[in-house]
Amino acid sequence: AFDKINAPVFSLLLAGAVISLIGMEIGAFIYRHKKKE
């Protein structure tokens, strides 16, 4: 629309990675708990 180039918003990379880390850690916790049982 404005014929210019905007840089990506790198803070969104961090936000997406944190969301993924939280889900991954909860899943990994369940995996470790079942493995221990």
PDB file of all heavy atoms in Angstrom:
ATOM      1  N   ALA A   1       0.816  -1.218   0.000  1.00  0.00           N
ATOM      2  CA  ALA A   1       0.000   0.000   0.000  1.00  0.00           C
ATOM      3  C   ALA A   1       0.848   1.266   0.000  1.00  0.00           C
ATOM      4  O   ALA A   1       0.491   2.251  -0.653  1.00  0.00           O
ATOM      5  CB  ALA A   1      -0.935  -0.003   1.204  1.00  0.00           C
ATOM      6  N   PHE A   2       1.959   1.257   0.708  1.00  0.00           N
ATOM      7  CA  PHE A   2       2.756   2.471   0.844  1.00  0.00           C
ATOM      8  C   PHE A   2       4.089   2.405   0.108  1.00  0.00           C
ATOM      9  O   PHE A   2       4.927   3.294   0.268  1.00  0.00           O
ATOM     10  CB  PHE A   2       2.969   2.798   2.326  1.00  0.00           C
ATOM     11  CG  PHE A   2       1.689   3.129   3.028  1.00  0.00           C
ATOM     12  CD1 PHE A   2       1.079   2.193   3.866  1.00  0.00           C
ATOM     13  CD2 PHE A   2       1.063   4.345   2.824  1.00  0.00           C
ATOM     14  CE1 PHE A   2      -0.110   2.488   4.504  1.00  0.00           C
ATOM     15  CE2 PHE A   2      -0.124   4.644   3.453  1.00  0.00           C
ATOM     16  CZ  PHE A   2      -0.721   3.713   4.298  1.00  0.00           C
ATOM     17  N   ASP A   3       4.297   1.353  -0.678  1.00  0.00           N
ATOM     18  CA  ASP A   3       5.484   1.194  -1.500  1.00  0.00           C
ATOM     19  C   ASP A   3       6.770   1.386  -0.685  1.00  0.00           C
ATOM     20  O   ASP A   3       7.642   2.185  -1.017  1.00  0.00           O
ATOM     21  CB  ASP A   3       5.446   2.185  -2.677  1.00  0.00           C
ATOM     22  CG  ASP A   3       6.461   1.809  -3.746  1.00  0.00           C
ATOM     23  OD1 ASP A   3       6.753   0.609  -3.883  1.00  0.00           O
ATOM     24  OD2 ASP A   3       6.958   2.731  -4.427  1.00  0.00           O
ATOM     25  N   LYS A   4       6.843   0.639   0.405  1.00  0.00           N
ATOM     26  CA  LYS A   4       8.031   0.670   1.245  1.00  0.00           C
ATOM     27  C   LYS A   4       8.255  -0.718   1.808  1.00  0.00           C
ATOM     28  O   LYS A   4       7.412  -1.594   1.677  1.00  0.00           O
ATOM     29  CB  LYS A   4       7.894   1.695   2.371  1.00  0.00           C
ATOM     30  CG  LYS A   4       6.818   1.376   3.378  1.00  0.00           C
ATOM     31  CD  LYS A   4       6.808   2.395   4.493  1.00  0.00           C
ATOM     32  CE  LYS A   4       5.859   1.921   5.574  1.00  0.00           C
ATOM     33  NZ  LYS A   4       6.064   2.657   6.800  1.00  0.00           N
ATOM     34  N   ILE A   5       9.384  -0.910   2.438  1.00  0.00           N
ATOM     35  CA  ILE A   5       9.704  -2.217   3.002  1.00  0.00           C
ATOM     36  C   ILE A   5       9.816  -2.086   4.509  1.00  0.00           C
ATOM     37  O   ILE A   5      10.630  -1.306   5.012  1.00  0.00           O
ATOM     38  CB  ILE A   5      11.006  -2.783   2.414  1.00  0.00           C
ATOM     39  CG1 ILE A   5      10.838  -3.002   0.914  1.00  0.00           C
ATOM     40  CG2 ILE A   5      11.398  -4.071   3.119  1.00  0.00           C
ATOM     41  CD1 ILE A   5      12.079  -3.467   0.213  1.00  0.00           C
ATOM     42  N   ASN A   6       8.991  -2.855   5.209  1.00  0.00           N
ATOM     43  CA  ASN A   6       9.033  -2.906   6.666  1.00  0.00           C
ATOM     44  C   ASN A   6       9.809  -4.147   7.092  1.00  0.00           C
ATOM     45  O   ASN A   6       9.692  -5.193   6.470  1.00  0.00           O
ATOM     46  CB  ASN A   6       7.629  -2.995   7.254  1.00  0.00           C
ATOM     47  CG  ASN A   6       6.820  -1.760   6.968  1.00  0.00           C
ATOM     48  OD1 ASN A   6       7.306  -0.655   7.105  1.00  0.00           O
ATOM     49  ND2 ASN A   6       5.583  -1.941   6.560  1.00  0.00           N
ATOM     50  N   ALA A   7      10.558  -4.023   8.142  1.00  0.00           N
ATOM     51  CA  ALA A   7      11.270  -5.175   8.694  1.00  0.00           C
ATOM     52  C   ALA A   7      10.290  -6.042   9.487  1.00  0.00           C
ATOM     53  O   ALA A   7       9.293  -5.538  10.017  1.00  0.00           O
ATOM     54  CB  ALA A   7      12.390  -4.707   9.606  1.00  0.00           C
ATOM     55  N   PRO A   8      10.553  -7.343   9.559  1.00  0.00           N
ATOM     56  CA  PRO A   8       9.704  -8.197  10.400  1.00  0.00           C
ATOM     57  C   PRO A   8       9.788  -7.774  11.864  1.00  0.00           C
ATOM     58  O   PRO A   8      10.792  -7.218  12.307  1.00  0.00           O
ATOM     59  CB  PRO A   8      10.309  -9.592  10.219  1.00  0.00           C
ATOM     60  CG  PRO A   8      11.163  -9.516   9.013  1.00  0.00           C
ATOM     61  CD  PRO A   8      11.589  -8.095   8.870  1.00  0.00           C
ATOM     62  N   VAL A   9       8.740  -8.059  12.597  1.00  0.00           N
ATOM     63  CA  VAL A   9       8.695  -7.748  14.029  1.00  0.00           C
ATOM     64  C   VAL A   9       9.252  -8.966  14.768  1.00  0.00           C
ATOM     65  O   VAL A   9       8.554  -9.962  14.970  1.00  0.00           O
ATOM     66  CB  VAL A   9       7.249  -7.435  14.487  1.00  0.00           C
ATOM     67  CG1 VAL A   9       7.214  -7.117  15.961  1.00  0.00           C
ATOM     68  CG2 VAL A   9       6.666  -6.310  13.664  1.00  0.00           C
ATOM     69  N   PHE A  10      10.521  -8.882  15.146  1.00  0.00           N
ATOM     70  CA  PHE A  10      11.192 -10.038  15.728  1.00  0.00           C
ATOM     71  C   PHE A  10      10.687 -10.395  17.121  1.00  0.00           C
ATOM     72  O   PHE A  10      10.909 -11.506  17.581  1.00  0.00           O
ATOM     73  CB  PHE A  10      12.710  -9.826  15.727  1.00  0.00           C
ATOM     74  CG  PHE A  10      13.297  -9.899  14.352  1.00  0.00           C
ATOM     75  CD1 PHE A  10      13.644  -8.746  13.670  1.00  0.00           C
ATOM     76  CD2 PHE A  10      13.463 -11.118  13.715  1.00  0.00           C
ATOM     77  CE1 PHE A  10      14.168  -8.800  12.397  1.00  0.00           C
ATOM     78  CE2 PHE A  10      13.978 -11.188  12.440  1.00  0.00           C
ATOM     79  CZ  PHE A  10      14.331 -10.031  11.772  1.00  0.00           C
ATOM     80  N   SER A  11      10.004  -9.479  17.781  1.00  0.00           N
ATOM     81  CA  SER A  11       9.428  -9.829  19.080  1.00  0.00           C
ATOM     82  C   SER A  11       8.330 -10.885  18.921  1.00  0.00           C
ATOM     83  O   SER A  11       8.058 -11.641  19.856  1.00  0.00           O
ATOM     84  CB  SER A  11       8.879  -8.594  19.784  1.00  0.00           C
ATOM     85  OG  SER A  11       7.849  -8.006  19.021  1.00  0.00           O
ATOM     86  N   LEU A  12       7.722 -10.967  17.737  1.00  0.00           N
ATOM     87  CA  LEU A  12       6.722 -12.009  17.500  1.00  0.00           C
ATOM     88  C   LEU A  12       7.366 -13.389  17.427  1.00  0.00           C
ATOM     89  O   LEU A  12       6.744 -14.386  17.780  1.00  0.00           O
ATOM     90  CB  LEU A  12       5.945 -11.719  16.216  1.00  0.00           C
ATOM     91  CG  LEU A  12       5.013 -10.514  16.269  1.00  0.00           C
ATOM     92  CD1 LEU A  12       4.389 -10.255  14.907  1.00  0.00           C
ATOM     93  CD2 LEU A  12       3.946 -10.710  17.316  1.00  0.00           C
ATOM     94  N   LEU A  13       8.621 -13.444  16.981  1.00  0.00           N
ATOM     95  CA  LEU A  13       9.347 -14.712  16.994  1.00  0.00           C
ATOM     96  C   LEU A  13       9.478 -15.209  18.426  1.00  0.00           C
ATOM     97  O   LEU A  13       9.234 -16.382  18.714  1.00  0.00           O
ATOM     98  CB  LEU A  13      10.724 -14.538  16.358  1.00  0.00           C
ATOM     99  CG  LEU A  13      11.530 -15.821  16.169  1.00  0.00           C
ATOM    100  CD1 LEU A  13      12.298 -15.736  14.858  1.00  0.00           C
ATOM    101  CD2 LEU A  13      12.467 -16.100  17.289  1.00  0.00           C
ATOM    102  N   LEU A  14       9.823 -14.305  19.315  1.00  0.00           N
ATOM    103  CA  LEU A  14       9.943 -14.660  20.728  1.00  0.00           C
ATOM    104  C   LEU A  14       8.591 -15.084  21.301  1.00  0.00           C
ATOM    105  O   LEU A  14       8.505 -16.074  22.034  1.00  0.00           O
ATOM    106  CB  LEU A  14      10.512 -13.484  21.517  1.00  0.00           C
ATOM    107  CG  LEU A  14      10.699 -13.706  23.008  1.00  0.00           C
ATOM    108  CD1 LEU A  14      11.698 -14.836  23.253  1.00  0.00           C
ATOM    109  CD2 LEU A  14      11.161 -12.435  23.688  1.00  0.00           C
ATOM    110  N   ALA A  15       7.535 -14.368  20.955  1.00  0.00           N
ATOM    111  CA  ALA A  15       6.204 -14.708  21.464  1.00  0.00           C
ATOM    112  C   ALA A  15       5.783 -16.108  21.013  1.00  0.00           C
ATOM    113  O   ALA A  15       5.312 -16.919  21.818  1.00  0.00           O
ATOM    114  CB  ALA A  15       5.184 -13.673  20.998  1.00  0.00           C
ATOM    115  N   GLY A  16       5.959 -16.402  19.731  1.00  0.00           N
ATOM    116  CA  GLY A  16       5.606 -17.729  19.221  1.00  0.00           C
ATOM    117  C   GLY A  16       6.456 -18.825  19.834  1.00  0.00           C
ATOM    118  O   GLY A  16       5.963 -19.911  20.153  1.00  0.00           O
ATOM    119  N   ALA A  17       7.747 -18.543  20.030  1.00  0.00           N
ATOM    120  CA  ALA A  17       8.635 -19.536  20.633  1.00  0.00           C
ATOM    121  C   ALA A  17       8.267 -19.803  22.086  1.00  0.00           C
ATOM    122  O   ALA A  17       8.309 -20.951  22.547  1.00  0.00           O
ATOM    123  CB  ALA A  17      10.084 -19.078  20.523  1.00  0.00           C
ATOM    124  N   VAL A  18       7.868 -18.769  22.811  1.00  0.00           N
ATOM    125  CA  VAL A  18       7.473 -18.948  24.217  1.00  0.00           C
ATOM    126  C   VAL A  18       6.192 -19.778  24.319  1.00  0.00           C
ATOM    127  O   VAL A  18       6.087 -20.675  25.162  1.00  0.00           O
ATOM    128  CB  VAL A  18       7.320 -17.582  24.924  1.00  0.00           C
ATOM    129  CG1 VAL A  18       6.603 -17.714  26.256  1.00  0.00           C
ATOM    130  CG2 VAL A  18       8.676 -16.931  25.112  1.00  0.00           C
ATOM    131  N   ILE A  19       5.233 -19.501  23.449  1.00  0.00           N
ATOM    132  CA  ILE A  19       3.998 -20.302  23.429  1.00  0.00           C
ATOM    133  C   ILE A  19       4.338 -21.760  23.177  1.00  0.00           C
ATOM    134  O   ILE A  19       3.837 -22.671  23.848  1.00  0.00           O
ATOM    135  CB  ILE A  19       3.018 -19.772  22.370  1.00  0.00           C
ATOM    136  CG1 ILE A  19       2.509 -18.390  22.767  1.00  0.00           C
ATOM    137  CG2 ILE A  19       1.857 -20.740  22.155  1.00  0.00           C
ATOM    138  CD1 ILE A  19       1.800 -17.646  21.646  1.00  0.00           C
ATOM    139  N   SER A  20       5.222 -22.000  22.212  1.00  0.00           N
ATOM    140  CA  SER A  20       5.640 -23.362  21.895  1.00  0.00           C
ATOM    141  C   SER A  20       6.398 -23.997  23.060  1.00  0.00           C
ATOM    142  O   SER A  20       6.179 -25.171  23.381  1.00  0.00           O
ATOM    143  CB  SER A  20       6.507 -23.352  20.636  1.00  0.00           C
ATOM    144  OG  SER A  20       6.945 -24.647  20.318  1.00  0.00           O
ATOM    145  N   LEU A  21       7.285 -23.244  23.685  1.00  0.00           N
ATOM    146  CA  LEU A  21       8.046 -23.774  24.826  1.00  0.00           C
ATOM    147  C   LEU A  21       7.141 -24.195  25.971  1.00  0.00           C
ATOM    148  O   LEU A  21       7.378 -25.229  26.604  1.00  0.00           O
ATOM    149  CB  LEU A  21       9.043 -22.723  25.328  1.00  0.00           C
ATOM    150  CG  LEU A  21      10.362 -22.628  24.592  1.00  0.00           C
ATOM    151  CD1 LEU A  21      11.128 -21.388  25.031  1.00  0.00           C
ATOM    152  CD2 LEU A  21      11.193 -23.870  24.803  1.00  0.00           C
ATOM    153  N   ILE A  22       6.112 -23.415  26.234  1.00  0.00           N
ATOM    154  CA  ILE A  22       5.186 -23.755  27.316  1.00  0.00           C
ATOM    155  C   ILE A  22       4.467 -25.068  26.996  1.00  0.00           C
ATOM    156  O   ILE A  22       4.401 -25.972  27.828  1.00  0.00           O
ATOM    157  CB  ILE A  22       4.188 -22.613  27.567  1.00  0.00           C
ATOM    158  CG1 ILE A  22       4.915 -21.390  28.133  1.00  0.00           C
ATOM    159  CG2 ILE A  22       3.067 -23.056  28.518  1.00  0.00           C
ATOM    160  CD1 ILE A  22       4.083 -20.123  28.163  1.00  0.00           C
ATOM    161  N   GLY A  23       3.928 -25.179  25.791  1.00  0.00           N
ATOM    162  CA  GLY A  23       3.266 -26.421  25.400  1.00  0.00           C
ATOM    163  C   GLY A  23       4.213 -27.606  25.406  1.00  0.00           C
ATOM    164  O   GLY A  23       3.880 -28.699  25.869  1.00  0.00           O
ATOM    165  N   MET A  24       5.422 -27.389  24.897  1.00  0.00           N
ATOM    166  CA  MET A  24       6.421 -28.457  24.837  1.00  0.00           C
ATOM    167  C   MET A  24       6.813 -28.912  26.238  1.00  0.00           C
ATOM    168  O   MET A  24       6.933 -30.108  26.496  1.00  0.00           O
ATOM    169  CB  MET A  24       7.649 -27.945  24.088  1.00  0.00           C
ATOM    170  CG  MET A  24       8.643 -29.003  23.737  1.00  0.00           C
ATOM    171  SD  MET A  24       8.368 -29.777  22.160  1.00  0.00           S
ATOM    172  CE  MET A  24       8.409 -28.412  21.041  1.00  0.00           C
ATOM    173  N   GLU A  25       7.004 -27.977  27.147  1.00  0.00           N
ATOM    174  CA  GLU A  25       7.406 -28.336  28.501  1.00  0.00           C
ATOM    175  C   GLU A  25       6.302 -29.087  29.239  1.00  0.00           C
ATOM    176  O   GLU A  25       6.577 -30.049  29.953  1.00  0.00           O
ATOM    177  CB  GLU A  25       7.830 -27.100  29.300  1.00  0.00           C
ATOM    178  CG  GLU A  25       8.294 -27.413  30.709  1.00  0.00           C
ATOM    179  CD  GLU A  25       9.407 -28.449  30.788  1.00  0.00           C
ATOM    180  OE1 GLU A  25      10.329 -28.405  29.969  1.00  0.00           O
ATOM    181  OE2 GLU A  25       9.334 -29.319  31.684  1.00  0.00           O
ATOM    182  N   ILE A  26       5.068 -28.679  29.064  1.00  0.00           N
ATOM    183  CA  ILE A  26       3.957 -29.401  29.699  1.00  0.00           C
ATOM    184  C   ILE A  26       3.890 -30.828  29.147  1.00  0.00           C
ATOM    185  O   ILE A  26       3.754 -31.794  29.904  1.00  0.00           O
ATOM    186  CB  ILE A  26       2.627 -28.653  29.508  1.00  0.00           C
ATOM    187  CG1 ILE A  26       2.646 -27.344  30.300  1.00  0.00           C
ATOM    188  CG2 ILE A  26       1.437 -29.516  29.941  1.00  0.00           C
ATOM    189  CD1 ILE A  26       1.485 -26.419  29.993  1.00  0.00           C
ATOM    190  N   GLY A  27       4.002 -30.965  27.836  1.00  0.00           N
ATOM    191  CA  GLY A  27       4.001 -32.293  27.228  1.00  0.00           C
ATOM    192  C   GLY A  27       5.187 -33.124  27.671  1.00  0.00           C
ATOM    193  O   GLY A  27       5.057 -34.316  27.980  1.00  0.00           O
ATOM    194  N   ALA A  28       6.370 -32.525  27.737  1.00  0.00           N
ATOM    195  CA  ALA A  28       7.576 -33.239  28.164  1.00  0.00           C
ATOM    196  C   ALA A  28       7.466 -33.657  29.627  1.00  0.00           C
ATOM    197  O   ALA A  28       7.937 -34.735  30.008  1.00  0.00           O
ATOM    198  CB  ALA A  28       8.806 -32.375  27.939  1.00  0.00           C
ATOM    199  N   PHE A  29       6.842 -32.816  30.448  1.00  0.00           N
ATOM    200  CA  PHE A  29       6.631 -33.164  31.849  1.00  0.00           C
ATOM    201  C   PHE A  29       5.764 -34.417  31.961  1.00  0.00           C
ATOM    202  O   PHE A  29       6.074 -35.328  32.728  1.00  0.00           O
ATOM    203  CB  PHE A  29       5.985 -32.001  32.603  1.00  0.00           C
ATOM    204  CG  PHE A  29       5.630 -32.328  34.022  1.00  0.00           C
ATOM    205  CD1 PHE A  29       6.604 -32.329  34.997  1.00  0.00           C
ATOM    206  CD2 PHE A  29       4.322 -32.650  34.373  1.00  0.00           C
ATOM    207  CE1 PHE A  29       6.285 -32.638  36.310  1.00  0.00           C
ATOM    208  CE2 PHE A  29       3.997 -32.967  35.672  1.00  0.00           C
ATOM    209  CZ  PHE A  29       4.978 -32.957  36.649  1.00  0.00           C
ATOM    210  N   ILE A  30       4.699 -34.478  31.185  1.00  0.00           N
ATOM    211  CA  ILE A  30       3.832 -35.663  31.189  1.00  0.00           C
ATOM    212  C   ILE A  30       4.600 -36.884  30.701  1.00  0.00           C
ATOM    213  O   ILE A  30       4.497 -37.975  31.265  1.00  0.00           O
ATOM    214  CB  ILE A  30       2.563 -35.410  30.346  1.00  0.00           C
ATOM    215  CG1 ILE A  30       1.691 -34.364  31.038  1.00  0.00           C
ATOM    216  CG2 ILE A  30       1.777 -36.697  30.102  1.00  0.00           C
ATOM    217  CD1 ILE A  30       0.543 -33.855  30.204  1.00  0.00           C
ATOM    218  N   TYR A  31       5.414 -36.705  29.648  1.00  0.00           N
ATOM    219  CA  TYR A  31       6.224 -37.804  29.126  1.00  0.00           C
ATOM    220  C   TYR A  31       7.177 -38.338  30.193  1.00  0.00           C
ATOM    221  O   TYR A  31       7.272 -39.537  30.407  1.00  0.00           O
ATOM    222  CB  TYR A  31       7.010 -37.339  27.891  1.00  0.00           C
ATOM    223  CG  TYR A  31       8.004 -38.353  27.397  1.00  0.00           C
ATOM    224  CD1 TYR A  31       7.586 -39.438  26.627  1.00  0.00           C
ATOM    225  CD2 TYR A  31       9.354 -38.235  27.695  1.00  0.00           C
ATOM    226  CE1 TYR A  31       8.493 -40.371  26.168  1.00  0.00           C
ATOM    227  CE2 TYR A  31      10.270 -39.159  27.240  1.00  0.00           C
ATOM    228  CZ  TYR A  31       9.836 -40.227  26.488  1.00  0.00           C
ATOM    229  OH  TYR A  31      10.743 -41.159  26.031  1.00  0.00           O
ATOM    230  N   ARG A  32       7.872 -37.424  30.879  1.00  0.00           N
ATOM    231  CA  ARG A  32       8.812 -37.848  31.926  1.00  0.00           C
ATOM    232  C   ARG A  32       8.086 -38.526  33.083  1.00  0.00           C
ATOM    233  O   ARG A  32       8.570 -39.519  33.636  1.00  0.00           O
ATOM    234  CB  ARG A  32       9.613 -36.647  32.436  1.00  0.00           C
ATOM    235  CG  ARG A  32      10.632 -36.129  31.459  1.00  0.00           C
ATOM    236  CD  ARG A  32      11.543 -35.087  32.084  1.00  0.00           C
ATOM    237  NE  ARG A  32      10.844 -33.938  32.619  1.00  0.00           N
ATOM    238  CZ  ARG A  32      10.613 -32.813  31.941  1.00  0.00           C
ATOM    239  NH1 ARG A  32      11.025 -32.688  30.700  1.00  0.00           N
ATOM    240  NH2 ARG A  32       9.972 -31.814  32.518  1.00  0.00           N
ATOM    241  N   HIS A  33       6.919 -38.011  33.440  1.00  0.00           N
ATOM    242  CA  HIS A  33       6.145 -38.583  34.537  1.00  0.00           C
ATOM    243  C   HIS A  33       5.683 -40.006  34.183  1.00  0.00           C
ATOM    244  O   HIS A  33       5.799 -40.914  35.005  1.00  0.00           O
ATOM    245  CB  HIS A  33       4.948 -37.695  34.847  1.00  0.00           C
ATOM    246  CG  HIS A  33       4.142 -38.143  36.015  1.00  0.00           C
ATOM    247  ND1 HIS A  33       4.623 -38.109  37.301  1.00  0.00           N
ATOM    248  CD2 HIS A  33       2.891 -38.662  36.091  1.00  0.00           C
ATOM    249  CE1 HIS A  33       3.702 -38.589  38.124  1.00  0.00           C
ATOM    250  NE2 HIS A  33       2.639 -38.920  37.411  1.00  0.00           N
ATOM    251  N   LYS A  34       5.189 -40.201  32.961  1.00  0.00           N
ATOM    252  CA  LYS A  34       4.760 -41.542  32.543  1.00  0.00           C
ATOM    253  C   LYS A  34       5.943 -42.496  32.446  1.00  0.00           C
ATOM    254  O   LYS A  34       5.835 -43.667  32.797  1.00  0.00           O
ATOM    255  CB  LYS A  34       4.036 -41.471  31.198  1.00  0.00           C
ATOM    256  CG  LYS A  34       2.638 -40.961  31.297  1.00  0.00           C
ATOM    257  CD  LYS A  34       1.952 -41.042  29.954  1.00  0.00           C
ATOM    258  CE  LYS A  34       0.513 -40.588  30.071  1.00  0.00           C
ATOM    259  NZ  LYS A  34      -0.195 -40.723  28.803  1.00  0.00           N
ATOM    260  N   LYS A  35       7.065 -41.996  31.970  1.00  0.00           N
ATOM    261  CA  LYS A  35       8.266 -42.824  31.850  1.00  0.00           C
ATOM    262  C   LYS A  35       8.738 -43.254  33.230  1.00  0.00           C
ATOM    263  O   LYS A  35       9.135 -44.396  33.437  1.00  0.00           O
ATOM    264  CB  LYS A  35       9.358 -42.045  31.123  1.00  0.00           C
ATOM    265  CG  LYS A  35      10.559 -42.854  30.773  1.00  0.00           C
ATOM    266  CD  LYS A  35      11.535 -42.013  29.950  1.00  0.00           C
ATOM    267  CE  LYS A  35      12.788 -42.792  29.662  1.00  0.00           C
ATOM    268  NZ  LYS A  35      13.766 -41.985  28.951  1.00  0.00           N
ATOM    269  N   LYS A  36       8.665 -42.336  34.205  1.00  0.00           N
ATOM    270  CA  LYS A  36       9.070 -42.642  35.567  1.00  0.00           C
ATOM    271  C   LYS A  36       8.144 -43.674  36.195  1.00  0.00           C
ATOM    272  O   LYS A  36       8.577 -44.556  36.921  1.00  0.00           O
ATOM    273  CB  LYS A  36       9.095 -41.363  36.409  1.00  0.00           C
ATOM    274  CG  LYS A  36       9.822 -41.509  37.723  1.00  0.00           C
ATOM    275  CD  LYS A  36       9.787 -40.226  38.526  1.00  0.00           C
ATOM    276  CE  LYS A  36      10.737 -39.232  37.905  1.00  0.00           C
ATOM    277  NZ  LYS A  36      10.831 -37.993  38.710  1.00  0.00           N
ATOM    278  N   GLU A  37       6.827 -43.564  35.892  1.00  0.00           N
ATOM    279  CA  GLU A  37       5.869 -44.534  36.436  1.00  0.00           C
ATOM    280  C   GLU A  37       6.077 -45.926  35.864  1.00  0.00           C
ATOM    281  O   GLU A  37       5.933 -46.922  36.561  1.00  0.00           O
ATOM    282  CB  GLU A  37       4.440 -44.093  36.125  1.00  0.00           C
ATOM    283  CG  GLU A  37       3.921 -43.006  37.017  1.00  0.00           C
ATOM    284  CD  GLU A  37       2.483 -42.628  36.686  1.00  0.00           C
ATOM    285  OE1 GLU A  37       1.946 -43.145  35.683  1.00  0.00           O
ATOM    286  OE2 GLU A  37       1.921 -41.831  37.408  1.00  0.00           O
TER     287      GLU A  37
END
